[in-house]
C-alpha atoms as a PDB file:
ATOM      1  CA  MET A   1      -8.932 -27.806  64.306  1.00  0.00           C
ATOM      2  CA  ASP A   2      -7.090 -24.531  63.632  1.00  0.00           C
ATOM      3  CA  ASP A   3      -6.684 -21.583  66.018  1.00  0.00           C
ATOM      4  CA  LYS A   4      -9.476 -19.579  64.420  1.00  0.00           C
ATOM      5  CA  THR A   5     -11.920 -22.469  64.812  1.00  0.00           C
ATOM      6  CA  ILE A   6     -10.896 -22.923  68.447  1.00  0.00           C
ATOM      7  CA  LEU A   7     -11.351 -19.197  69.144  1.00  0.00           C
ATOM      8  CA  ASN A   8     -14.772 -19.256  67.472  1.00  0.00           C
ATOM      9  CA  ARG A   9     -15.755 -22.231  69.637  1.00  0.00           C
ATOM     10  CA  ILE A  10     -14.559 -20.387  72.757  1.00  0.00           C
ATOM     11  CA  THR A  11     -16.705 -17.398  71.782  1.00  0.00           C
ATOM     12  CA  GLU A  12     -19.754 -19.632  71.295  1.00  0.00           C
ATOM     13  CA  LEU A  13     -19.242 -21.301  74.665  1.00  0.00           C
ATOM     14  CA  VAL A  14     -18.729 -17.993  76.479  1.00  0.00           C
ATOM     15  CA  ASP A  15     -21.836 -16.524  74.851  1.00  0.00           C
ATOM     16  CA  GLU A  16     -23.903 -19.490  75.985  1.00  0.00           C
ATOM     17  CA  GLU A  17     -22.441 -19.290  79.491  1.00  0.00           C
ATOM     18  CA  HIS A  18     -23.293 -15.591  79.733  1.00  0.00           C
ATOM     19  CA  LYS A  19     -26.834 -16.246  78.517  1.00  0.00           C
ATOM     20  CA  LEU A  20     -27.400 -18.986  81.112  1.00  0.00           C
ATOM     21  CA  ARG A  21     -26.051 -16.788  83.902  1.00  0.00           C
ATOM     22  CA  ALA A  22     -28.133 -13.795  82.746  1.00  0.00           C
ATOM     23  CA  ASP A  23     -31.282 -15.914  82.592  1.00  0.00           C
ATOM     24  CA  ALA A  24     -30.622 -17.198  86.104  1.00  0.00           C
ATOM     25  CA  GLN A  25     -30.145 -13.640  87.400  1.00  0.00           C
ATOM     26  CA  ALA A  26     -33.254 -12.376  85.625  1.00  0.00           C
ATOM     27  CA  HIS A  27     -35.337 -15.047  87.295  1.00  0.00           C
ATOM     28  CA  GLU A  28     -33.458 -14.685  90.599  1.00  0.00           C
ATOM     29  CA  SER A  29     -33.332 -18.449  90.727  1.00  0.00           C
ATOM     30  CA  GLY A  30     -29.626 -19.066  90.565  1.00  0.00           C
ATOM     31  CA  THR A  31     -28.375 -21.973  88.548  1.00  0.00           C
ATOM     32  CA  GLU A  32     -29.959 -25.251  89.495  1.00  0.00           C
ATOM     33  CA  GLY A  33     -30.620 -28.575  87.851  1.00  0.00           C
ATOM     34  CA  GLU A  34     -30.095 -28.644  84.112  1.00  0.00           C
ATOM     35  CA  ALA A  35     -28.715 -25.102  83.983  1.00  0.00           C
ATOM     36  CA  SER A  36     -26.112 -25.944  86.613  1.00  0.00           C
ATOM     37  CA  GLU A  37     -25.099 -29.102  84.771  1.00  0.00           C
ATOM     38  CA  ARG A  38     -24.882 -27.225  81.492  1.00  0.00           C
ATOM     39  CA  LEU A  39     -22.725 -24.502  83.083  1.00  0.00           C
ATOM     40  CA  ARG A  40     -20.358 -27.151  84.426  1.00  0.00           C
ATOM     41  CA  ALA A  41     -20.140 -28.754  80.974  1.00  0.00           C
ATOM     42  CA  LEU A  42     -19.505 -25.347  79.387  1.00  0.00           C
ATOM     43  CA  GLU A  43     -16.708 -24.595  81.862  1.00  0.00           C
ATOM     44  CA  GLU A  44     -15.085 -27.959  81.180  1.00  0.00           C
ATOM     45  CA  SER A  45     -15.327 -27.453  77.417  1.00  0.00           C
ATOM     46  CA  LEU A  46     -13.858 -23.969  77.744  1.00  0.00           C
ATOM     47  CA  ASP A  47     -10.949 -25.366  79.757  1.00  0.00           C
ATOM     48  CA  GLN A  48     -10.331 -27.933  77.015  1.00  0.00           C
ATOM     49  CA  CYS A  49     -10.419 -25.306  74.280  1.00  0.00           C
ATOM     50  CA  TRP A  50      -8.070 -22.940  76.123  1.00  0.00           C
ATOM     51  CA  ASP A  51      -5.682 -25.813  76.862  1.00  0.00           C
ATOM     52  CA  LEU A  52      -5.617 -26.854  73.218  1.00  0.00           C
ATOM     53  CA  LEU A  53      -5.085 -23.276  72.033  1.00  0.00           C
ATOM     54  CA  ARG A  54      -2.210 -22.728  74.495  1.00  0.00           C
ATOM     55  CA  ARG A  55      -0.534 -25.988  73.470  1.00  0.00           C
ATOM     56  CA  ARG A  56      -0.920 -25.185  69.757  1.00  0.00           C
ATOM     57  CA  ARG A  57       0.657 -21.769  70.305  1.00  0.00           C
ATOM     58  CA  ALA A  58       3.470 -23.289  72.366  1.00  0.00           C
ATOM     59  CA  ALA A  59       4.161 -25.854  69.639  1.00  0.00           C
ATOM     60  CA  ARG A  60       4.282 -23.107  67.029  1.00  0.00           C
ATOM     61  CA  ASP A  61       6.627 -20.994  69.211  1.00  0.00           C
ATOM     62  CA  THR A  62       9.012 -23.935  69.591  1.00  0.00           C
ATOM     63  CA  HIS A  63       8.889 -24.767  65.878  1.00  0.00           C
ATOM     64  CA  GLY A  64       6.689 -27.790  66.502  1.00  0.00           C
ATOM     65  CA  ASP A  65       3.581 -28.855  64.657  1.00  0.00           C
ATOM     66  CA  PRO A  66       0.462 -27.238  66.145  1.00  0.00           C
ATOM     67  CA  ASP A  67      -1.709 -29.685  64.213  1.00  0.00           C
ATOM     68  CA  ALA A  68      -0.124 -32.557  66.135  1.00  0.00           C
ATOM     69  CA  GLN A  69      -1.784 -31.259  69.298  1.00  0.00           C
ATOM     70  CA  GLY A  70      -5.036 -32.924  70.208  1.00  0.00           C
ATOM     71  CA  GLU A  71      -7.744 -32.206  72.708  1.00  0.00           C
ATOM     72  CA  ARG A  72      -6.962 -33.633  76.141  1.00  0.00           C
ATOM     73  CA  PRO A  73      -9.653 -35.448  78.146  1.00  0.00           C
ATOM     74  CA  LYS A  74     -11.733 -33.274  80.463  1.00  0.00           C
ATOM     75  CA  PRO A  75     -10.578 -35.022  83.665  1.00  0.00           C
ATOM     76  CA  GLU A  76      -6.954 -34.334  82.744  1.00  0.00           C
ATOM     77  CA  VAL A  77      -7.543 -30.663  81.961  1.00  0.00           C
ATOM     78  CA  GLU A  78      -9.688 -30.166  85.073  1.00  0.00           C
ATOM     79  CA  ARG A  79      -6.848 -31.253  87.378  1.00  0.00           C
ATOM     80  CA  TYR A  80      -4.648 -28.314  86.316  1.00  0.00           C
ATOM     81  CA  LEU A  81      -3.976 -25.594  88.848  1.00  0.00           C
ATOM     82  CA  GLN A  82      -4.683 -22.120  87.536  1.00  0.00           C
END
């Protein structure tokens, strides 16, 4: 996956997240059930994408191979402090 593809995926995920949150606000119901689970999955996927993009950029900056970077498992990425 190249940087452009990762950025496009991030945009798709953010758009979906915004839509879910807007729908919840419009119905004044908050996020419950399936919507809540989907939001959590979106946040985890976004964390993975951002992690991969940062590591690809770091590899490029240090004259490494950005294509050698792979997606890390969600549990690993979720333990990071931000």
